[in-house]
Amino acid sequence: MDSLLPHISGYDSLDVISAVKFQMEAFSKAIEQAIANATNLKDPSTDKMIANILDACVESYTDSQDSLKKAWEAIAAHDIGTLMNSELSAALTGISTCGL
């Protein structure tokens, strides 16, 4: 809910789809920052095991970005089943894999 608060100030009411869209925007920004952070942590002196973990996290976050893009398409198509049952679930799984 805290991630929604910056987006909803001034709203008298908020419908479910708008709340989902606001949350997806917040996730998207957090994923972009996480990818940048993981990329910046990796340099030639990074331990190989740590570098592999960072690579896996970037891949997982990128997969989450792809799922969020598909979720936006599902919203546009009014396909709530795809939105809620697969794409958002997949995006959240990718995000939680590396503890975003």
PDB file of N, CA and C in Angstrom:
ATOM      1  N   MET A   1       0.814  -1.187   0.000  1.00  0.00           N
ATOM      2  CA  MET A   1       0.000   0.000   0.000  1.00  0.00           C
ATOM      3  C   MET A   1       0.867   1.265   0.000  1.00  0.00           C
ATOM      4  N   ASP A   2       2.000   1.212   0.690  1.00  0.00           N
ATOM      5  CA  ASP A   2       2.869   2.388   0.733  1.00  0.00           C
ATOM      6  C   ASP A   2       3.324   2.807  -0.660  1.00  0.00           C
ATOM      7  N   SER A   3       3.504   1.838  -1.555  1.00  0.00           N
ATOM      8  CA  SER A   3       3.938   2.183  -2.906  1.00  0.00           C
ATOM      9  C   SER A   3       2.829   2.856  -3.699  1.00  0.00           C
ATOM     10  N   LEU A   4       1.588   2.712  -3.261  1.00  0.00           N
ATOM     11  CA  LEU A   4       0.467   3.369  -3.941  1.00  0.00           C
ATOM     12  C   LEU A   4       0.282   4.814  -3.495  1.00  0.00           C
ATOM     13  N   LEU A   5       0.614   5.109  -2.264  1.00  0.00           N
ATOM     14  CA  LEU A   5       0.309   6.421  -1.693  1.00  0.00           C
ATOM     15  C   LEU A   5       0.806   7.609  -2.514  1.00  0.00           C
ATOM     16  N   PRO A   6       2.028   7.583  -3.057  1.00  0.00           N
ATOM     17  CA  PRO A   6       2.455   8.738  -3.859  1.00  0.00           C
ATOM     18  C   PRO A   6       1.614   8.960  -5.107  1.00  0.00           C
ATOM     19  N   HIS A   7       0.959   7.920  -5.586  1.00  0.00           N
ATOM     20  CA  HIS A   7       0.203   8.001  -6.832  1.00  0.00           C
ATOM     21  C   HIS A   7      -1.258   8.404  -6.628  1.00  0.00           C
ATOM     22  N   ILE A   8      -1.759   8.266  -5.420  1.00  0.00           N
ATOM     23  CA  ILE A   8      -3.208   8.443  -5.239  1.00  0.00           C
ATOM     24  C   ILE A   8      -3.590   9.684  -4.457  1.00  0.00           C
ATOM     25  N   SER A   9      -2.630  10.500  -4.079  1.00  0.00           N
ATOM     26  CA  SER A   9      -3.001  11.704  -3.353  1.00  0.00           C
ATOM     27  C   SER A   9      -3.898  12.565  -4.239  1.00  0.00           C
ATOM     28  N   GLY A  10      -4.956  13.043  -3.663  1.00  0.00           N
ATOM     29  CA  GLY A  10      -5.887  13.859  -4.412  1.00  0.00           C
ATOM     30  C   GLY A  10      -7.047  13.082  -4.995  1.00  0.00           C
ATOM     31  N   TYR A  11      -6.981  11.759  -4.949  1.00  0.00           N
ATOM     32  CA  TYR A  11      -8.081  10.934  -5.450  1.00  0.00           C
ATOM     33  C   TYR A  11      -9.120  10.769  -4.340  1.00  0.00           C
ATOM     34  N   ASP A  12     -10.382  10.991  -4.669  1.00  0.00           N
ATOM     35  CA  ASP A  12     -11.449  10.758  -3.708  1.00  0.00           C
ATOM     36  C   ASP A  12     -11.777   9.278  -3.608  1.00  0.00           C
ATOM     37  N   SER A  13     -11.648   8.586  -4.719  1.00  0.00           N
ATOM     38  CA  SER A  13     -11.880   7.145  -4.733  1.00  0.00           C
ATOM     39  C   SER A  13     -10.927   6.523  -5.735  1.00  0.00           C
ATOM     40  N   LEU A  14     -10.741   5.250  -5.608  1.00  0.00           N
ATOM     41  CA  LEU A  14      -9.785   4.560  -6.460  1.00  0.00           C
ATOM     42  C   LEU A  14     -10.370   3.206  -6.829  1.00  0.00           C
ATOM     43  N   ASP A  15     -10.513   2.956  -8.134  1.00  0.00           N
ATOM     44  CA  ASP A  15     -11.027   1.664  -8.555  1.00  0.00           C
ATOM     45  C   ASP A  15      -9.889   0.646  -8.582  1.00  0.00           C
ATOM     46  N   VAL A  16     -10.248  -0.615  -8.625  1.00  0.00           N
ATOM     47  CA  VAL A  16      -9.274  -1.695  -8.535  1.00  0.00           C
ATOM     48  C   VAL A  16      -8.266  -1.652  -9.682  1.00  0.00           C
ATOM     49  N   ILE A  17      -8.723  -1.463 -10.899  1.00  0.00           N
ATOM     50  CA  ILE A  17      -7.810  -1.449 -12.049  1.00  0.00           C
ATOM     51  C   ILE A  17      -6.825  -0.294 -11.935  1.00  0.00           C
ATOM     52  N   SER A  18      -7.289   0.871 -11.502  1.00  0.00           N
ATOM     53  CA  SER A  18      -6.362   1.998 -11.318  1.00  0.00           C
ATOM     54  C   SER A  18      -5.321   1.666 -10.253  1.00  0.00           C
ATOM     55  N   ALA A  19      -5.748   1.037  -9.184  1.00  0.00           N
ATOM     56  CA  ALA A  19      -4.803   0.649  -8.128  1.00  0.00           C
ATOM     57  C   ALA A  19      -3.773  -0.344  -8.666  1.00  0.00           C
ATOM     58  N   VAL A  20      -4.231  -1.299  -9.472  1.00  0.00           N
ATOM     59  CA  VAL A  20      -3.305  -2.275 -10.068  1.00  0.00           C
ATOM     60  C   VAL A  20      -2.326  -1.556 -10.996  1.00  0.00           C
ATOM     61  N   LYS A  21      -2.821  -0.628 -11.791  1.00  0.00           N
ATOM     62  CA  LYS A  21      -1.942   0.126 -12.701  1.00  0.00           C
ATOM     63  C   LYS A  21      -0.897   0.922 -11.918  1.00  0.00           C
ATOM     64  N   PHE A  22      -1.322   1.591 -10.849  1.00  0.00           N
ATOM     65  CA  PHE A  22      -0.374   2.353 -10.035  1.00  0.00           C
ATOM     66  C   PHE A  22       0.690   1.428  -9.444  1.00  0.00           C
ATOM     67  N   GLN A  23       0.262   0.259  -8.966  1.00  0.00           N
ATOM     68  CA  GLN A  23       1.207  -0.688  -8.384  1.00  0.00           C
ATOM     69  C   GLN A  23       2.167  -1.214  -9.443  1.00  0.00           C
ATOM     70  N   MET A  24       1.659  -1.466 -10.634  1.00  0.00           N
ATOM     71  CA  MET A  24       2.521  -1.936 -11.723  1.00  0.00           C
ATOM     72  C   MET A  24       3.559  -0.882 -12.092  1.00  0.00           C
ATOM     73  N   GLU A  25       3.173   0.386 -12.088  1.00  0.00           N
ATOM     74  CA  GLU A  25       4.126   1.465 -12.355  1.00  0.00           C
ATOM     75  C   GLU A  25       5.208   1.494 -11.288  1.00  0.00           C
ATOM     76  N   ALA A  26       4.804   1.324 -10.041  1.00  0.00           N
ATOM     77  CA  ALA A  26       5.777   1.316  -8.945  1.00  0.00           C
ATOM     78  C   ALA A  26       6.720   0.119  -9.077  1.00  0.00           C
ATOM     79  N   PHE A  27       6.174  -1.058  -9.409  1.00  0.00           N
ATOM     80  CA  PHE A  27       7.018  -2.231  -9.623  1.00  0.00           C
ATOM     81  C   PHE A  27       8.002  -1.992 -10.759  1.00  0.00           C
ATOM     82  N   SER A  28       7.529  -1.405 -11.838  1.00  0.00           N
ATOM     83  CA  SER A  28       8.381  -1.163 -12.993  1.00  0.00           C
ATOM     84  C   SER A  28       9.561  -0.273 -12.625  1.00  0.00           C
ATOM     85  N   LYS A  29       9.307   0.787 -11.889  1.00  0.00           N
ATOM     86  CA  LYS A  29      10.392   1.683 -11.464  1.00  0.00           C
ATOM     87  C   LYS A  29      11.356   0.968 -10.532  1.00  0.00           C
ATOM     88  N   ALA A  30      10.827   0.160  -9.624  1.00  0.00           N
ATOM     89  CA  ALA A  30      11.688  -0.578  -8.690  1.00  0.00           C
ATOM     90  C   ALA A  30      12.548  -1.597  -9.430  1.00  0.00           C
ATOM     91  N   ILE A  31      11.981  -2.242 -10.426  1.00  0.00           N
ATOM     92  CA  ILE A  31      12.737  -3.221 -11.215  1.00  0.00           C
ATOM     93  C   ILE A  31      13.862  -2.525 -11.978  1.00  0.00           C
ATOM     94  N   GLU A  32      13.558  -1.392 -12.593  1.00  0.00           N
ATOM     95  CA  GLU A  32      14.597  -0.651 -13.318  1.00  0.00           C
ATOM     96  C   GLU A  32      15.753  -0.295 -12.393  1.00  0.00           C
ATOM     97  N   GLN A  33      15.419   0.156 -11.189  1.00  0.00           N
ATOM     98  CA  GLN A  33      16.460   0.526 -10.223  1.00  0.00           C
ATOM     99  C   GLN A  33      17.247  -0.709  -9.773  1.00  0.00           C
ATOM    100  N   ALA A  34      16.552  -1.820  -9.563  1.00  0.00           N
ATOM    101  CA  ALA A  34      17.230  -3.050  -9.137  1.00  0.00           C
ATOM    102  C   ALA A  34      18.189  -3.554 -10.214  1.00  0.00           C
ATOM    103  N   ILE A  35      17.775  -3.477 -11.475  1.00  0.00           N
ATOM    104  CA  ILE A  35      18.663  -3.881 -12.572  1.00  0.00           C
ATOM    105  C   ILE A  35      19.902  -2.987 -12.597  1.00  0.00           C
ATOM    106  N   ALA A  36      19.695  -1.694 -12.455  1.00  0.00           N
ATOM    107  CA  ALA A  36      20.833  -0.767 -12.441  1.00  0.00           C
ATOM    108  C   ALA A  36      21.763  -1.063 -11.264  1.00  0.00           C
ATOM    109  N   ASN A  37      21.179  -1.304 -10.092  1.00  0.00           N
ATOM    110  CA  ASN A  37      21.998  -1.597  -8.913  1.00  0.00           C
ATOM    111  C   ASN A  37      22.806  -2.871  -9.093  1.00  0.00           C
ATOM    112  N   ALA A  38      22.156  -3.933  -9.570  1.00  0.00           N
ATOM    113  CA  ALA A  38      22.852  -5.209  -9.760  1.00  0.00           C
ATOM    114  C   ALA A  38      23.948  -5.070 -10.810  1.00  0.00           C
ATOM    115  N   THR A  39      23.675  -4.329 -11.860  1.00  0.00           N
ATOM    116  CA  THR A  39      24.656  -4.119 -12.922  1.00  0.00           C
ATOM    117  C   THR A  39      25.844  -3.320 -12.396  1.00  0.00           C
ATOM    118  N   ASN A  40      25.574  -2.300 -11.588  1.00  0.00           N
ATOM    119  CA  ASN A  40      26.648  -1.464 -11.050  1.00  0.00           C
ATOM    120  C   ASN A  40      27.509  -2.198 -10.024  1.00  0.00           C
ATOM    121  N   LEU A  41      26.930  -3.196  -9.358  1.00  0.00           N
ATOM    122  CA  LEU A  41      27.698  -3.950  -8.362  1.00  0.00           C
ATOM    123  C   LEU A  41      28.710  -4.894  -8.999  1.00  0.00           C
ATOM    124  N   LYS A  42      28.476  -5.208 -10.259  1.00  0.00           N
ATOM    125  CA  LYS A  42      29.333  -6.178 -10.938  1.00  0.00           C
ATOM    126  C   LYS A  42      30.429  -5.451 -11.710  1.00  0.00           C
ATOM    127  N   ASP A  43      31.663  -5.822 -11.424  1.00  0.00           N
ATOM    128  CA  ASP A  43      32.802  -5.310 -12.176  1.00  0.00           C
ATOM    129  C   ASP A  43      33.816  -6.446 -12.315  1.00  0.00           C
ATOM    130  N   PRO A  44      34.901  -6.219 -13.030  1.00  0.00           N
ATOM    131  CA  PRO A  44      35.864  -7.320 -13.251  1.00  0.00           C
ATOM    132  C   PRO A  44      36.419  -7.929 -11.963  1.00  0.00           C
ATOM    133  N   SER A  45      36.417  -7.186 -10.867  1.00  0.00           N
ATOM    134  CA  SER A  45      36.974  -7.722  -9.623  1.00  0.00           C
ATOM    135  C   SER A  45      35.933  -8.475  -8.786  1.00  0.00           C
ATOM    136  N   THR A  46      34.686  -8.506  -9.235  1.00  0.00           N
ATOM    137  CA  THR A  46      33.635  -9.180  -8.482  1.00  0.00           C
ATOM    138  C   THR A  46      33.871 -10.687  -8.476  1.00  0.00           C
ATOM    139  N   ASP A  47      33.761 -11.272  -7.302  1.00  0.00           N
ATOM    140  CA  ASP A  47      33.885 -12.717  -7.148  1.00  0.00           C
ATOM    141  C   ASP A  47      32.950 -13.415  -8.136  1.00  0.00           C
ATOM    142  N   LYS A  48      33.419 -14.510  -8.748  1.00  0.00           N
ATOM    143  CA  LYS A  48      32.649 -15.196  -9.788  1.00  0.00           C
ATOM    144  C   LYS A  48      31.282 -15.654  -9.270  1.00  0.00           C
ATOM    145  N   MET A  49      31.218 -16.185  -8.060  1.00  0.00           N
ATOM    146  CA  MET A  49      29.947 -16.643  -7.513  1.00  0.00           C
ATOM    147  C   MET A  49      28.972 -15.475  -7.341  1.00  0.00           C
ATOM    148  N   ILE A  50      29.478 -14.363  -6.850  1.00  0.00           N
ATOM    149  CA  ILE A  50      28.641 -13.167  -6.683  1.00  0.00           C
ATOM    150  C   ILE A  50      28.197 -12.644  -8.046  1.00  0.00           C
ATOM    151  N   ALA A  51      29.100 -12.637  -9.003  1.00  0.00           N
ATOM    152  CA  ALA A  51      28.762 -12.178 -10.364  1.00  0.00           C
ATOM    153  C   ALA A  51      27.659 -13.045 -10.964  1.00  0.00           C
ATOM    154  N   ASN A  52      27.734 -14.350 -10.733  1.00  0.00           N
ATOM    155  CA  ASN A  52      26.695 -15.249 -11.238  1.00  0.00           C
ATOM    156  C   ASN A  52      25.343 -14.961 -10.583  1.00  0.00           C
ATOM    157  N   ILE A  53      25.365 -14.681  -9.299  1.00  0.00           N
ATOM    158  CA  ILE A  53      24.129 -14.343  -8.586  1.00  0.00           C
ATOM    159  C   ILE A  53      23.548 -13.037  -9.135  1.00  0.00           C
ATOM    160  N   LEU A  54      24.395 -12.052  -9.331  1.00  0.00           N
ATOM    161  CA  LEU A  54      23.934 -10.768  -9.884  1.00  0.00           C
ATOM    162  C   LEU A  54      23.362 -10.957 -11.287  1.00  0.00           C
ATOM    163  N   ASP A  55      24.021 -11.782 -12.104  1.00  0.00           N
ATOM    164  CA  ASP A  55      23.502 -12.066 -13.447  1.00  0.00           C
ATOM    165  C   ASP A  55      22.130 -12.726 -13.376  1.00  0.00           C
ATOM    166  N   ALA A  56      21.978 -13.668 -12.444  1.00  0.00           N
ATOM    167  CA  ALA A  56      20.687 -14.351 -12.289  1.00  0.00           C
ATOM    168  C   ALA A  56      19.604 -13.367 -11.851  1.00  0.00           C
ATOM    169  N   CYS A  57      19.968 -12.441 -10.978  1.00  0.00           N
ATOM    170  CA  CYS A  57      18.995 -11.439 -10.541  1.00  0.00           C
ATOM    171  C   CYS A  57      18.594 -10.523 -11.693  1.00  0.00           C
ATOM    172  N   VAL A  58      19.551 -10.081 -12.476  1.00  0.00           N
ATOM    173  CA  VAL A  58      19.230  -9.231 -13.629  1.00  0.00           C
ATOM    174  C   VAL A  58      18.315  -9.984 -14.582  1.00  0.00           C
ATOM    175  N   GLU A  59      18.596 -11.258 -14.813  1.00  0.00           N
ATOM    176  CA  GLU A  59      17.743 -12.060 -15.689  1.00  0.00           C
ATOM    177  C   GLU A  59      16.328 -12.185 -15.112  1.00  0.00           C
ATOM    178  N   SER A  60      16.247 -12.421 -13.819  1.00  0.00           N
ATOM    179  CA  SER A  60      14.946 -12.547 -13.160  1.00  0.00           C
ATOM    180  C   SER A  60      14.170 -11.235 -13.229  1.00  0.00           C
ATOM    181  N   TYR A  61      14.851 -10.133 -12.978  1.00  0.00           N
ATOM    182  CA  TYR A  61      14.194  -8.819 -13.058  1.00  0.00           C
ATOM    183  C   TYR A  61      13.754  -8.505 -14.489  1.00  0.00           C
ATOM    184  N   THR A  62      14.574  -8.885 -15.464  1.00  0.00           N
ATOM    185  CA  THR A  62      14.209  -8.673 -16.865  1.00  0.00           C
ATOM    186  C   THR A  62      12.974  -9.491 -17.224  1.00  0.00           C
ATOM    187  N   ASP A  63      12.908 -10.716 -16.723  1.00  0.00           N
ATOM    188  CA  ASP A  63      11.712 -11.537 -16.935  1.00  0.00           C
ATOM    189  C   ASP A  63      10.482 -10.865 -16.319  1.00  0.00           C
ATOM    190  N   SER A  64      10.664 -10.254 -15.156  1.00  0.00           N
ATOM    191  CA  SER A  64       9.550  -9.538 -14.509  1.00  0.00           C
ATOM    192  C   SER A  64       9.101  -8.348 -15.351  1.00  0.00           C
ATOM    193  N   GLN A  65      10.066  -7.643 -15.948  1.00  0.00           N
ATOM    194  CA  GLN A  65       9.709  -6.541 -16.840  1.00  0.00           C
ATOM    195  C   GLN A  65       8.881  -7.039 -18.010  1.00  0.00           C
ATOM    196  N   ASP A  66       9.281  -8.175 -18.581  1.00  0.00           N
ATOM    197  CA  ASP A  66       8.531  -8.751 -19.703  1.00  0.00           C
ATOM    198  C   ASP A  66       7.111  -9.117 -19.276  1.00  0.00           C
ATOM    199  N   SER A  67       6.987  -9.684 -18.092  1.00  0.00           N
ATOM    200  CA  SER A  67       5.659 -10.042 -17.587  1.00  0.00           C
ATOM    201  C   SER A  67       4.806  -8.802 -17.349  1.00  0.00           C
ATOM    202  N   LEU A  68       5.421  -7.736 -16.852  1.00  0.00           N
ATOM    203  CA  LEU A  68       4.658  -6.495 -16.649  1.00  0.00           C
ATOM    204  C   LEU A  68       4.188  -5.918 -17.986  1.00  0.00           C
ATOM    205  N   LYS A  69       5.014  -6.014 -19.015  1.00  0.00           N
ATOM    206  CA  LYS A  69       4.592  -5.548 -20.342  1.00  0.00           C
ATOM    207  C   LYS A  69       3.378  -6.336 -20.820  1.00  0.00           C
ATOM    208  N   LYS A  70       3.410  -7.647 -20.616  1.00  0.00           N
ATOM    209  CA  LYS A  70       2.270  -8.480 -20.990  1.00  0.00           C
ATOM    210  C   LYS A  70       1.048  -8.164 -20.124  1.00  0.00           C
ATOM    211  N   ALA A  71       1.285  -7.803 -18.886  1.00  0.00           N
ATOM    212  CA  ALA A  71       0.175  -7.422 -18.000  1.00  0.00           C
ATOM    213  C   ALA A  71      -0.489  -6.140 -18.498  1.00  0.00           C
ATOM    214  N   TRP A  72       0.320  -5.190 -18.963  1.00  0.00           N
ATOM    215  CA  TRP A  72      -0.251  -3.967 -19.545  1.00  0.00           C
ATOM    216  C   TRP A  72      -1.106  -4.302 -20.761  1.00  0.00           C
ATOM    217  N   GLU A  73      -0.619  -5.233 -21.575  1.00  0.00           N
ATOM    218  CA  GLU A  73      -1.394  -5.656 -22.749  1.00  0.00           C
ATOM    219  C   GLU A  73      -2.701  -6.322 -22.319  1.00  0.00           C
ATOM    220  N   ALA A  74      -2.651  -7.104 -21.255  1.00  0.00           N
ATOM    221  CA  ALA A  74      -3.863  -7.764 -20.751  1.00  0.00           C
ATOM    222  C   ALA A  74      -4.867  -6.739 -20.240  1.00  0.00           C
ATOM    223  N   ILE A  75      -4.386  -5.685 -19.597  1.00  0.00           N
ATOM    224  CA  ILE A  75      -5.290  -4.615 -19.133  1.00  0.00           C
ATOM    225  C   ILE A  75      -5.960  -3.964 -20.335  1.00  0.00           C
ATOM    226  N   ALA A  76      -5.154  -3.655 -21.346  1.00  0.00           N
ATOM    227  CA  ALA A  76      -5.704  -2.999 -22.543  1.00  0.00           C
ATOM    228  C   ALA A  76      -6.752  -3.877 -23.220  1.00  0.00           C
ATOM    229  N   ALA A  77      -6.567  -5.195 -23.159  1.00  0.00           N
ATOM    230  CA  ALA A  77      -7.493  -6.136 -23.794  1.00  0.00           C
ATOM    231  C   ALA A  77      -8.634  -6.541 -22.855  1.00  0.00           C
ATOM    232  N   HIS A  78      -8.644  -5.966 -21.643  1.00  0.00           N
ATOM    233  CA  HIS A  78      -9.652  -6.314 -20.627  1.00  0.00           C
ATOM    234  C   HIS A  78      -9.628  -7.809 -20.311  1.00  0.00           C
ATOM    235  N   ASP A  79      -8.435  -8.378 -20.320  1.00  0.00           N
ATOM    236  CA  ASP A  79      -8.238  -9.804 -20.053  1.00  0.00           C
ATOM    237  C   ASP A  79      -7.758  -9.967 -18.606  1.00  0.00           C
ATOM    238  N   ILE A  80      -8.684  -9.925 -17.686  1.00  0.00           N
ATOM    239  CA  ILE A  80      -8.346  -9.962 -16.262  1.00  0.00           C
ATOM    240  C   ILE A  80      -7.751 -11.313 -15.867  1.00  0.00           C
ATOM    241  N   GLY A  81      -8.200 -12.387 -16.505  1.00  0.00           N
ATOM    242  CA  GLY A  81      -7.651 -13.709 -16.195  1.00  0.00           C
ATOM    243  C   GLY A  81      -6.160 -13.773 -16.443  1.00  0.00           C
ATOM    244  N   THR A  82      -5.744 -13.334 -17.622  1.00  0.00           N
ATOM    245  CA  THR A  82      -4.312 -13.319 -17.945  1.00  0.00           C
ATOM    246  C   THR A  82      -3.574 -12.373 -17.013  1.00  0.00           C
ATOM    247  N   LEU A  83      -4.172 -11.226 -16.777  1.00  0.00           N
ATOM    248  CA  LEU A  83      -3.539 -10.226 -15.919  1.00  0.00           C
ATOM    249  C   LEU A  83      -3.262 -10.785 -14.535  1.00  0.00           C
ATOM    250  N   MET A  84      -4.290 -11.271 -13.883  1.00  0.00           N
ATOM    251  CA  MET A  84      -4.174 -11.669 -12.477  1.00  0.00           C
ATOM    252  C   MET A  84      -3.573 -13.062 -12.296  1.00  0.00           C
ATOM    253  N   ASN A  85      -3.904 -13.981 -13.174  1.00  0.00           N
ATOM    254  CA  ASN A  85      -3.516 -15.371 -12.951  1.00  0.00           C
ATOM    255  C   ASN A  85      -2.157 -15.740 -13.505  1.00  0.00           C
ATOM    256  N   SER A  86      -1.648 -14.976 -14.443  1.00  0.00           N
ATOM    257  CA  SER A  86      -0.354 -15.377 -14.981  1.00  0.00           C
ATOM    258  C   SER A  86       0.670 -14.254 -14.991  1.00  0.00           C
ATOM    259  N   GLU A  87       0.371 -13.138 -15.623  1.00  0.00           N
ATOM    260  CA  GLU A  87       1.409 -12.129 -15.818  1.00  0.00           C
ATOM    261  C   GLU A  87       1.811 -11.422 -14.522  1.00  0.00           C
ATOM    262  N   LEU A  88       0.859 -10.994 -13.729  1.00  0.00           N
ATOM    263  CA  LEU A  88       1.233 -10.351 -12.458  1.00  0.00           C
ATOM    264  C   LEU A  88       1.893 -11.348 -11.519  1.00  0.00           C
ATOM    265  N   SER A  89       1.380 -12.562 -11.522  1.00  0.00           N
ATOM    266  CA  SER A  89       1.983 -13.604 -10.699  1.00  0.00           C
ATOM    267  C   SER A  89       3.429 -13.862 -11.118  1.00  0.00           C
ATOM    268  N   ALA A  90       3.662 -13.950 -12.415  1.00  0.00           N
ATOM    269  CA  ALA A  90       5.016 -14.164 -12.929  1.00  0.00           C
ATOM    270  C   ALA A  90       5.930 -12.989 -12.591  1.00  0.00           C
ATOM    271  N   ALA A  91       5.410 -11.782 -12.720  1.00  0.00           N
ATOM    272  CA  ALA A  91       6.221 -10.593 -12.400  1.00  0.00           C
ATOM    273  C   ALA A  91       6.607 -10.585 -10.930  1.00  0.00           C
ATOM    274  N   LEU A  92       5.663 -10.913 -10.065  1.00  0.00           N
ATOM    275  CA  LEU A  92       5.949 -10.929  -8.624  1.00  0.00           C
ATOM    276  C   LEU A  92       6.932 -12.034  -8.268  1.00  0.00           C
ATOM    277  N   THR A  93       6.833 -13.169  -8.937  1.00  0.00           N
ATOM    278  CA  THR A  93       7.775 -14.266  -8.692  1.00  0.00           C
ATOM    279  C   THR A  93       9.189 -13.830  -9.052  1.00  0.00           C
ATOM    280  N   GLY A  94       9.330 -13.201 -10.208  1.00  0.00           N
ATOM    281  CA  GLY A  94      10.640 -12.724 -10.624  1.00  0.00           C
ATOM    282  C   GLY A  94      11.218 -11.683  -9.691  1.00  0.00           C
ATOM    283  N   ILE A  95      10.352 -10.821  -9.199  1.00  0.00           N
ATOM    284  CA  ILE A  95      10.791  -9.777  -8.270  1.00  0.00           C
ATOM    285  C   ILE A  95      11.242 -10.390  -6.951  1.00  0.00           C
ATOM    286  N   SER A  96      10.469 -11.335  -6.452  1.00  0.00           N
ATOM    287  CA  SER A  96      10.782 -11.906  -5.136  1.00  0.00           C
ATOM    288  C   SER A  96      11.967 -12.855  -5.167  1.00  0.00           C
ATOM    289  N   THR A  97      12.322 -13.361  -6.340  1.00  0.00           N
ATOM    290  CA  THR A  97      13.440 -14.298  -6.456  1.00  0.00           C
ATOM    291  C   THR A  97      14.727 -13.697  -5.908  1.00  0.00           C
ATOM    292  N   CYS A  98      14.948 -12.438  -6.167  1.00  0.00           N
ATOM    293  CA  CYS A  98      16.166 -11.782  -5.688  1.00  0.00           C
ATOM    294  C   CYS A  98      15.902 -10.745  -4.595  1.00  0.00           C
ATOM    295  N   GLY A  99      14.722 -10.787  -4.037  1.00  0.00           N
ATOM    296  CA  GLY A  99      14.437  -9.968  -2.869  1.00  0.00           C
ATOM    297  C   GLY A  99      14.328  -8.476  -3.128  1.00  0.00           C
ATOM    298  N   LEU A 100      13.664  -8.105  -4.209  1.00  0.00           N
ATOM    299  CA  LEU A 100      13.486  -6.673  -4.504  1.00  0.00           C
ATOM    300  C   LEU A 100      12.682  -6.011  -3.463  1.00  0.00           C
TER     301      LEU A 100
END
